[in-house]
Amino acid sequence: MKSKLLQQDVSIDGLRDEALERRLNKHIFPSSILGGLLLAGLCIVAECVCPLASGIGLIMSTCIVYHYFEMVAEEKQRYPQQDFWGLA
């Protein structure tokens, strides 16, 4: 992750590369744990509502919505002047 940020010239003012790496390590690990716990919670909810909808279908639909969210975020970053939602 650090190498990707350095390639993009991302930095935090007042921090050297080593301090940036420590700060990233401090946030990446808890974020990955939280993501895993949220996915586990989603799986549990999906199994509980199995009579209403299939568990795999719920997870799949969540992944599809998240993928579209990532695509829109990437497009907004690539073309910041364009209005994607028709709100601005």
PDB file of N, CA and C in Angstrom:
ATOM      1  N   MET A   1       0.821  -1.183   0.000  1.00  0.00           N
ATOM      2  CA  MET A   1       0.000   0.000   0.000  1.00  0.00           C
ATOM      3  C   MET A   1       0.867   1.250   0.000  1.00  0.00           C
ATOM      4  N   LYS A   2       1.937   1.207   0.788  1.00  0.00           N
ATOM      5  CA  LYS A   2       2.826   2.359   0.868  1.00  0.00           C
ATOM      6  C   LYS A   2       3.441   2.661  -0.491  1.00  0.00           C
ATOM      7  N   SER A   3       3.851   1.625  -1.209  1.00  0.00           N
ATOM      8  CA  SER A   3       4.485   1.851  -2.508  1.00  0.00           C
ATOM      9  C   SER A   3       3.508   2.462  -3.505  1.00  0.00           C
ATOM     10  N   LYS A   4       2.242   2.050  -3.450  1.00  0.00           N
ATOM     11  CA  LYS A   4       1.243   2.632  -4.346  1.00  0.00           C
ATOM     12  C   LYS A   4       1.049   4.113  -4.051  1.00  0.00           C
ATOM     13  N   LEU A   5       0.994   4.464  -2.768  1.00  0.00           N
ATOM     14  CA  LEU A   5       0.822   5.863  -2.398  1.00  0.00           C
ATOM     15  C   LEU A   5       2.038   6.697  -2.791  1.00  0.00           C
ATOM     16  N   LEU A   6       3.228   6.130  -2.616  1.00  0.00           N
ATOM     17  CA  LEU A   6       4.430   6.873  -2.998  1.00  0.00           C
ATOM     18  C   LEU A   6       4.516   7.057  -4.502  1.00  0.00           C
ATOM     19  N   GLN A   7       4.055   6.083  -5.275  1.00  0.00           N
ATOM     20  CA  GLN A   7       4.039   6.220  -6.729  1.00  0.00           C
ATOM     21  C   GLN A   7       3.096   7.328  -7.163  1.00  0.00           C
ATOM     22  N   GLN A   8       2.046   7.552  -6.415  1.00  0.00           N
ATOM     23  CA  GLN A   8       1.071   8.587  -6.741  1.00  0.00           C
ATOM     24  C   GLN A   8       1.420   9.920  -6.075  1.00  0.00           C
ATOM     25  N   ASP A   9       2.594   9.999  -5.445  1.00  0.00           N
ATOM     26  CA  ASP A   9       3.054  11.205  -4.751  1.00  0.00           C
ATOM     27  C   ASP A   9       2.082  11.655  -3.661  1.00  0.00           C
ATOM     28  N   VAL A  10       1.494  10.700  -2.966  1.00  0.00           N
ATOM     29  CA  VAL A  10       0.613  11.009  -1.844  1.00  0.00           C
ATOM     30  C   VAL A  10       1.472  11.088  -0.589  1.00  0.00           C
ATOM     31  N   SER A  11       1.293  12.130   0.158  1.00  0.00           N
ATOM     32  CA  SER A  11       2.033  12.266   1.404  1.00  0.00           C
ATOM     33  C   SER A  11       1.184  13.050   2.403  1.00  0.00           C
ATOM     34  N   ILE A  12       1.590  12.965   3.653  1.00  0.00           N
ATOM     35  CA  ILE A  12       0.944  13.737   4.709  1.00  0.00           C
ATOM     36  C   ILE A  12       1.969  14.768   5.162  1.00  0.00           C
ATOM     37  N   ASP A  13       1.585  16.016   5.171  1.00  0.00           N
ATOM     38  CA  ASP A  13       2.507  17.088   5.539  1.00  0.00           C
ATOM     39  C   ASP A  13       3.098  16.840   6.914  1.00  0.00           C
ATOM     40  N   GLY A  14       4.408  16.976   6.995  1.00  0.00           N
ATOM     41  CA  GLY A  14       5.088  16.831   8.275  1.00  0.00           C
ATOM     42  C   GLY A  14       5.484  15.409   8.610  1.00  0.00           C
ATOM     43  N   LEU A  15       5.204  14.438   7.743  1.00  0.00           N
ATOM     44  CA  LEU A  15       5.555  13.041   8.018  1.00  0.00           C
ATOM     45  C   LEU A  15       6.542  12.521   6.989  1.00  0.00           C
ATOM     46  N   ARG A  16       7.519  11.796   7.470  1.00  0.00           N
ATOM     47  CA  ARG A  16       8.446  11.125   6.563  1.00  0.00           C
ATOM     48  C   ARG A  16       7.825   9.816   6.114  1.00  0.00           C
ATOM     49  N   ASP A  17       8.518   9.133   5.200  1.00  0.00           N
ATOM     50  CA  ASP A  17       7.979   7.874   4.670  1.00  0.00           C
ATOM     51  C   ASP A  17       7.784   6.825   5.759  1.00  0.00           C
ATOM     52  N   GLU A  18       8.711   6.772   6.719  1.00  0.00           N
ATOM     53  CA  GLU A  18       8.599   5.777   7.792  1.00  0.00           C
ATOM     54  C   GLU A  18       7.383   6.065   8.673  1.00  0.00           C
ATOM     55  N   ALA A  19       7.169   7.341   8.961  1.00  0.00           N
ATOM     56  CA  ALA A  19       6.010   7.701   9.777  1.00  0.00           C
ATOM     57  C   ALA A  19       4.711   7.436   9.022  1.00  0.00           C
ATOM     58  N   LEU A  20       4.728   7.664   7.703  1.00  0.00           N
ATOM     59  CA  LEU A  20       3.550   7.362   6.881  1.00  0.00           C
ATOM     60  C   LEU A  20       3.250   5.871   6.922  1.00  0.00           C
ATOM     61  N   GLU A  21       4.303   5.065   6.854  1.00  0.00           N
ATOM     62  CA  GLU A  21       4.105   3.614   6.903  1.00  0.00           C
ATOM     63  C   GLU A  21       3.531   3.182   8.252  1.00  0.00           C
ATOM     64  N   ARG A  22       4.021   3.757   9.345  1.00  0.00           N
ATOM     65  CA  ARG A  22       3.480   3.427  10.667  1.00  0.00           C
ATOM     66  C   ARG A  22       2.011   3.832  10.773  1.00  0.00           C
ATOM     67  N   ARG A  23       1.688   5.005  10.240  1.00  0.00           N
ATOM     68  CA  ARG A  23       0.297   5.462  10.304  1.00  0.00           C
ATOM     69  C   ARG A  23      -0.606   4.561   9.458  1.00  0.00           C
ATOM     70  N   LEU A  24      -0.123   4.154   8.280  1.00  0.00           N
ATOM     71  CA  LEU A  24      -0.920   3.252   7.445  1.00  0.00           C
ATOM     72  C   LEU A  24      -1.112   1.906   8.133  1.00  0.00           C
ATOM     73  N   ASN A  25      -0.056   1.381   8.731  1.00  0.00           N
ATOM     74  CA  ASN A  25      -0.169   0.103   9.441  1.00  0.00           C
ATOM     75  C   ASN A  25      -1.154   0.211  10.594  1.00  0.00           C
ATOM     76  N   LYS A  26      -1.223   1.376  11.214  1.00  0.00           N
ATOM     77  CA  LYS A  26      -2.136   1.581  12.334  1.00  0.00           C
ATOM     78  C   LYS A  26      -3.598   1.545  11.874  1.00  0.00           C
ATOM     79  N   HIS A  27      -3.873   1.948  10.642  1.00  0.00           N
ATOM     80  CA  HIS A  27      -5.252   2.027  10.172  1.00  0.00           C
ATOM     81  C   HIS A  27      -5.667   0.854   9.277  1.00  0.00           C
ATOM     82  N   ILE A  28      -4.739   0.280   8.540  1.00  0.00           N
ATOM     83  CA  ILE A  28      -5.097  -0.781   7.587  1.00  0.00           C
ATOM     84  C   ILE A  28      -5.523  -2.049   8.311  1.00  0.00           C
ATOM     85  N   PHE A  29      -4.790  -2.456   9.337  1.00  0.00           N
ATOM     86  CA  PHE A  29      -5.135  -3.702  10.036  1.00  0.00           C
ATOM     87  C   PHE A  29      -6.523  -3.643  10.672  1.00  0.00           C
ATOM     88  N   PRO A  30      -6.846  -2.593  11.454  1.00  0.00           N
ATOM     89  CA  PRO A  30      -8.203  -2.545  12.019  1.00  0.00           C
ATOM     90  C   PRO A  30      -9.283  -2.463  10.947  1.00  0.00           C
ATOM     91  N   SER A  31      -8.989  -1.793   9.838  1.00  0.00           N
ATOM     92  CA  SER A  31      -9.973  -1.699   8.759  1.00  0.00           C
ATOM     93  C   SER A  31     -10.240  -3.059   8.138  1.00  0.00           C
ATOM     94  N   SER A  32      -9.186  -3.857   7.969  1.00  0.00           N
ATOM     95  CA  SER A  32      -9.389  -5.187   7.389  1.00  0.00           C
ATOM     96  C   SER A  32     -10.165  -6.090   8.350  1.00  0.00           C
ATOM     97  N   ILE A  33      -9.897  -5.971   9.644  1.00  0.00           N
ATOM     98  CA  ILE A  33     -10.643  -6.752  10.633  1.00  0.00           C
ATOM     99  C   ILE A  33     -12.112  -6.340  10.626  1.00  0.00           C
ATOM    100  N   LEU A  34     -12.365  -5.031  10.598  1.00  0.00           N
ATOM    101  CA  LEU A  34     -13.740  -4.540  10.575  1.00  0.00           C
ATOM    102  C   LEU A  34     -14.469  -5.008   9.312  1.00  0.00           C
ATOM    103  N   GLY A  35     -13.787  -4.973   8.179  1.00  0.00           N
ATOM    104  CA  GLY A  35     -14.397  -5.457   6.938  1.00  0.00           C
ATOM    105  C   GLY A  35     -14.752  -6.931   7.018  1.00  0.00           C
ATOM    106  N   GLY A  36     -13.872  -7.725   7.607  1.00  0.00           N
ATOM    107  CA  GLY A  36     -14.150  -9.149   7.785  1.00  0.00           C
ATOM    108  C   GLY A  36     -15.330  -9.393   8.705  1.00  0.00           C
ATOM    109  N   LEU A  37     -15.389  -8.611   9.787  1.00  0.00           N
ATOM    110  CA  LEU A  37     -16.519  -8.761  10.710  1.00  0.00           C
ATOM    111  C   LEU A  37     -17.839  -8.345  10.055  1.00  0.00           C
ATOM    112  N   LEU A  38     -17.804  -7.286   9.260  1.00  0.00           N
ATOM    113  CA  LEU A  38     -19.029  -6.864   8.565  1.00  0.00           C
ATOM    114  C   LEU A  38     -19.483  -7.917   7.557  1.00  0.00           C
ATOM    115  N   LEU A  39     -18.529  -8.527   6.855  1.00  0.00           N
ATOM    116  CA  LEU A  39     -18.888  -9.583   5.913  1.00  0.00           C
ATOM    117  C   LEU A  39     -19.453 -10.790   6.644  1.00  0.00           C
ATOM    118  N   ALA A  40     -18.865 -11.129   7.789  1.00  0.00           N
ATOM    119  CA  ALA A  40     -19.397 -12.240   8.579  1.00  0.00           C
ATOM    120  C   ALA A  40     -20.810 -11.918   9.067  1.00  0.00           C
ATOM    121  N   GLY A  41     -21.029 -10.676   9.500  1.00  0.00           N
ATOM    122  CA  GLY A  41     -22.366 -10.270   9.923  1.00  0.00           C
ATOM    123  C   GLY A  41     -23.366 -10.350   8.784  1.00  0.00           C
ATOM    124  N   LEU A  42     -22.932  -9.942   7.593  1.00  0.00           N
ATOM    125  CA  LEU A  42     -23.803 -10.031   6.422  1.00  0.00           C
ATOM    126  C   LEU A  42     -24.154 -11.488   6.122  1.00  0.00           C
ATOM    127  N   CYS A  43     -23.182 -12.373   6.252  1.00  0.00           N
ATOM    128  CA  CYS A  43     -23.443 -13.801   6.013  1.00  0.00           C
ATOM    129  C   CYS A  43     -24.429 -14.356   7.032  1.00  0.00           C
ATOM    130  N   ILE A  44     -24.282 -13.940   8.292  1.00  0.00           N
ATOM    131  CA  ILE A  44     -25.204 -14.416   9.328  1.00  0.00           C
ATOM    132  C   ILE A  44     -26.617 -13.917   9.059  1.00  0.00           C
ATOM    133  N   VAL A  45     -26.745 -12.643   8.705  1.00  0.00           N
ATOM    134  CA  VAL A  45     -28.065 -12.091   8.375  1.00  0.00           C
ATOM    135  C   VAL A  45     -28.646 -12.803   7.162  1.00  0.00           C
ATOM    136  N   ALA A  46     -27.800 -13.078   6.181  1.00  0.00           N
ATOM    137  CA  ALA A  46     -28.271 -13.753   4.972  1.00  0.00           C
ATOM    138  C   ALA A  46     -28.795 -15.152   5.295  1.00  0.00           C
ATOM    139  N   GLU A  47     -28.126 -15.837   6.198  1.00  0.00           N
ATOM    140  CA  GLU A  47     -28.595 -17.172   6.574  1.00  0.00           C
ATOM    141  C   GLU A  47     -29.873 -17.103   7.404  1.00  0.00           C
ATOM    142  N   CYS A  48     -30.033 -16.047   8.188  1.00  0.00           N
ATOM    143  CA  CYS A  48     -31.241 -15.914   9.015  1.00  0.00           C
ATOM    144  C   CYS A  48     -32.477 -15.612   8.169  1.00  0.00           C
ATOM    145  N   VAL A  49     -32.310 -14.889   7.081  1.00  0.00           N
ATOM    146  CA  VAL A  49     -33.451 -14.547   6.235  1.00  0.00           C
ATOM    147  C   VAL A  49     -33.525 -15.468   5.015  1.00  0.00           C
ATOM    148  N   CYS A  50     -32.946 -16.643   5.161  1.00  0.00           N
ATOM    149  CA  CYS A  50     -32.921 -17.597   4.053  1.00  0.00           C
ATOM    150  C   CYS A  50     -34.309 -17.915   3.500  1.00  0.00           C
ATOM    151  N   PRO A  51     -35.362 -18.027   4.334  1.00  0.00           N
ATOM    152  CA  PRO A  51     -36.681 -18.295   3.763  1.00  0.00           C
ATOM    153  C   PRO A  51     -37.169 -17.162   2.844  1.00  0.00           C
ATOM    154  N   LEU A  52     -36.704 -15.935   3.088  1.00  0.00           N
ATOM    155  CA  LEU A  52     -37.145 -14.806   2.263  1.00  0.00           C
ATOM    156  C   LEU A  52     -36.317 -14.656   0.991  1.00  0.00           C
ATOM    157  N   ALA A  53     -35.032 -14.903   1.108  1.00  0.00           N
ATOM    158  CA  ALA A  53     -34.134 -14.795  -0.042  1.00  0.00           C
ATOM    159  C   ALA A  53     -32.923 -15.667   0.231  1.00  0.00           C
ATOM    160  N   SER A  54     -32.244 -16.046  -0.816  1.00  0.00           N
ATOM    161  CA  SER A  54     -31.082 -16.912  -0.612  1.00  0.00           C
ATOM    162  C   SER A  54     -29.919 -16.095  -0.068  1.00  0.00           C
ATOM    163  N   GLY A  55     -29.121 -16.711   0.782  1.00  0.00           N
ATOM    164  CA  GLY A  55     -27.977 -16.040   1.383  1.00  0.00           C
ATOM    165  C   GLY A  55     -26.949 -15.619   0.355  1.00  0.00           C
ATOM    166  N   ILE A  56     -26.699 -16.500  -0.594  1.00  0.00           N
ATOM    167  CA  ILE A  56     -25.718 -16.178  -1.636  1.00  0.00           C
ATOM    168  C   ILE A  56     -26.237 -15.033  -2.493  1.00  0.00           C
ATOM    169  N   GLY A  57     -27.524 -14.981  -2.726  1.00  0.00           N
ATOM    170  CA  GLY A  57     -28.088 -13.885  -3.516  1.00  0.00           C
ATOM    171  C   GLY A  57     -27.915 -12.541  -2.834  1.00  0.00           C
ATOM    172  N   LEU A  58     -28.092 -12.510  -1.499  1.00  0.00           N
ATOM    173  CA  LEU A  58     -27.891 -11.267  -0.761  1.00  0.00           C
ATOM    174  C   LEU A  58     -26.436 -10.805  -0.823  1.00  0.00           C
ATOM    175  N   ILE A  59     -25.511 -11.724  -0.634  1.00  0.00           N
ATOM    176  CA  ILE A  59     -24.102 -11.371  -0.691  1.00  0.00           C
ATOM    177  C   ILE A  59     -23.722 -10.919  -2.097  1.00  0.00           C
ATOM    178  N   MET A  60     -24.237 -11.620  -3.088  1.00  0.00           N
ATOM    179  CA  MET A  60     -23.942 -11.268  -4.468  1.00  0.00           C
ATOM    180  C   MET A  60     -24.495  -9.883  -4.818  1.00  0.00           C
ATOM    181  N   SER A  61     -25.701  -9.584  -4.390  1.00  0.00           N
ATOM    182  CA  SER A  61     -26.273  -8.275  -4.678  1.00  0.00           C
ATOM    183  C   SER A  61     -25.512  -7.172  -3.951  1.00  0.00           C
ATOM    184  N   THR A  62     -25.049  -7.456  -2.728  1.00  0.00           N
ATOM    185  CA  THR A  62     -24.229  -6.483  -2.007  1.00  0.00           C
ATOM    186  C   THR A  62     -22.924  -6.222  -2.742  1.00  0.00           C
ATOM    187  N   CYS A  63     -22.295  -7.268  -3.246  1.00  0.00           N
ATOM    188  CA  CYS A  63     -21.050  -7.111  -3.997  1.00  0.00           C
ATOM    189  C   CYS A  63     -21.270  -6.323  -5.284  1.00  0.00           C
ATOM    190  N   ILE A  64     -22.384  -6.553  -5.960  1.00  0.00           N
ATOM    191  CA  ILE A  64     -22.678  -5.831  -7.191  1.00  0.00           C
ATOM    192  C   ILE A  64     -22.884  -4.349  -6.910  1.00  0.00           C
ATOM    193  N   VAL A  65     -23.645  -4.032  -5.866  1.00  0.00           N
ATOM    194  CA  VAL A  65     -23.871  -2.622  -5.514  1.00  0.00           C
ATOM    195  C   VAL A  65     -22.564  -1.961  -5.134  1.00  0.00           C
ATOM    196  N   TYR A  66     -21.726  -2.652  -4.372  1.00  0.00           N
ATOM    197  CA  TYR A  66     -20.433  -2.088  -3.971  1.00  0.00           C
ATOM    198  C   TYR A  66     -19.540  -1.869  -5.185  1.00  0.00           C
ATOM    199  N   HIS A  67     -19.575  -2.795  -6.138  1.00  0.00           N
ATOM    200  CA  HIS A  67     -18.776  -2.647  -7.356  1.00  0.00           C
ATOM    201  C   HIS A  67     -19.206  -1.407  -8.139  1.00  0.00           C
ATOM    202  N   TYR A  68     -20.501  -1.181  -8.253  1.00  0.00           N
ATOM    203  CA  TYR A  68     -20.981   0.019  -8.933  1.00  0.00           C
ATOM    204  C   TYR A  68     -20.573   1.281  -8.174  1.00  0.00           C
ATOM    205  N   PHE A  69     -20.602   1.232  -6.850  1.00  0.00           N
ATOM    206  CA  PHE A  69     -20.152   2.359  -6.047  1.00  0.00           C
ATOM    207  C   PHE A  69     -18.684   2.664  -6.324  1.00  0.00           C
ATOM    208  N   GLU A  70     -17.840   1.611  -6.397  1.00  0.00           N
ATOM    209  CA  GLU A  70     -16.427   1.806  -6.707  1.00  0.00           C
ATOM    210  C   GLU A  70     -16.240   2.390  -8.101  1.00  0.00           C
ATOM    211  N   MET A  71     -17.041   1.934  -9.069  1.00  0.00           N
ATOM    212  CA  MET A  71     -16.920   2.451 -10.430  1.00  0.00           C
ATOM    213  C   MET A  71     -17.258   3.936 -10.479  1.00  0.00           C
ATOM    214  N   VAL A  72     -18.315   4.340  -9.798  1.00  0.00           N
ATOM    215  CA  VAL A  72     -18.712   5.752  -9.785  1.00  0.00           C
ATOM    216  C   VAL A  72     -17.647   6.585  -9.083  1.00  0.00           C
ATOM    217  N   ALA A  73     -17.105   6.078  -7.977  1.00  0.00           N
ATOM    218  CA  ALA A  73     -16.064   6.810  -7.258  1.00  0.00           C
ATOM    219  C   ALA A  73     -14.825   6.991  -8.127  1.00  0.00           C
ATOM    220  N   GLU A  74     -14.466   5.955  -8.881  1.00  0.00           N
ATOM    221  CA  GLU A  74     -13.311   6.052  -9.774  1.00  0.00           C
ATOM    222  C   GLU A  74     -13.565   7.047 -10.897  1.00  0.00           C
ATOM    223  N   GLU A  75     -14.763   7.026 -11.459  1.00  0.00           N
ATOM    224  CA  GLU A  75     -15.094   7.976 -12.514  1.00  0.00           C
ATOM    225  C   GLU A  75     -15.129   9.411 -11.994  1.00  0.00           C
ATOM    226  N   LYS A  76     -15.624   9.594 -10.773  1.00  0.00           N
ATOM    227  CA  LYS A  76     -15.638  10.939 -10.190  1.00  0.00           C
ATOM    228  C   LYS A  76     -14.222  11.442  -9.958  1.00  0.00           C
ATOM    229  N   GLN A  77     -13.325  10.530  -9.610  1.00  0.00           N
ATOM    230  CA  GLN A  77     -11.938  10.924  -9.411  1.00  0.00           C
ATOM    231  C   GLN A  77     -11.273  11.235 -10.752  1.00  0.00           C
ATOM    232  N   ARG A  78     -11.605  10.472 -11.765  1.00  0.00           N
ATOM    233  CA  ARG A  78     -11.005  10.671 -13.082  1.00  0.00           C
ATOM    234  C   ARG A  78     -11.536  11.927 -13.761  1.00  0.00           C
ATOM    235  N   TYR A  79     -12.834  12.184 -13.637  1.00  0.00           N
ATOM    236  CA  TYR A  79     -13.469  13.342 -14.268  1.00  0.00           C
ATOM    237  C   TYR A  79     -14.186  14.164 -13.204  1.00  0.00           C
ATOM    238  N   PRO A  80     -13.467  14.996 -12.452  1.00  0.00           N
ATOM    239  CA  PRO A  80     -14.091  15.706 -11.331  1.00  0.00           C
ATOM    240  C   PRO A  80     -15.119  16.760 -11.756  1.00  0.00           C
ATOM    241  N   GLN A  81     -15.058  17.250 -12.981  1.00  0.00           N
ATOM    242  CA  GLN A  81     -15.985  18.305 -13.408  1.00  0.00           C
ATOM    243  C   GLN A  81     -17.349  17.760 -13.815  1.00  0.00           C
ATOM    244  N   GLN A  82     -17.421  16.491 -14.134  1.00  0.00           N
ATOM    245  CA  GLN A  82     -18.666  15.903 -14.628  1.00  0.00           C
ATOM    246  C   GLN A  82     -19.612  15.570 -13.467  1.00  0.00           C
ATOM    247  N   ASP A  83     -20.897  15.837 -13.682  1.00  0.00           N
ATOM    248  CA  ASP A  83     -21.923  15.567 -12.668  1.00  0.00           C
ATOM    249  C   ASP A  83     -22.523  14.193 -12.954  1.00  0.00           C
ATOM    250  N   PHE A  84     -22.327  13.230 -12.041  1.00  0.00           N
ATOM    251  CA  PHE A  84     -22.792  11.867 -12.283  1.00  0.00           C
ATOM    252  C   PHE A  84     -24.203  11.616 -11.794  1.00  0.00           C
ATOM    253  N   TRP A  85     -24.660  12.366 -10.810  1.00  0.00           N
ATOM    254  CA  TRP A  85     -25.960  12.103 -10.217  1.00  0.00           C
ATOM    255  C   TRP A  85     -27.010  13.101 -10.644  1.00  0.00           C
ATOM    256  N   GLY A  86     -26.639  14.154 -11.354  1.00  0.00           N
ATOM    257  CA  GLY A  86     -27.598  15.168 -11.765  1.00  0.00           C
ATOM    258  C   GLY A  86     -28.036  16.062 -10.628  1.00  0.00           C
ATOM    259  N   LEU A  87     -27.226  16.126  -9.573  1.00  0.00           N
ATOM    260  CA  LEU A  87     -27.606  16.903  -8.398  1.00  0.00           C
ATOM    261  C   LEU A  87     -26.911  18.269  -8.346  1.00  0.00           C
ATOM    262  N   ALA A  88     -25.789  18.379  -9.005  1.00  0.00           N
ATOM    263  CA  ALA A  88     -25.042  19.637  -8.885  1.00  0.00           C
ATOM    264  C   ALA A  88     -25.300  20.574 -10.034  1.00  0.00           C
TER     265      ALA A  88
END
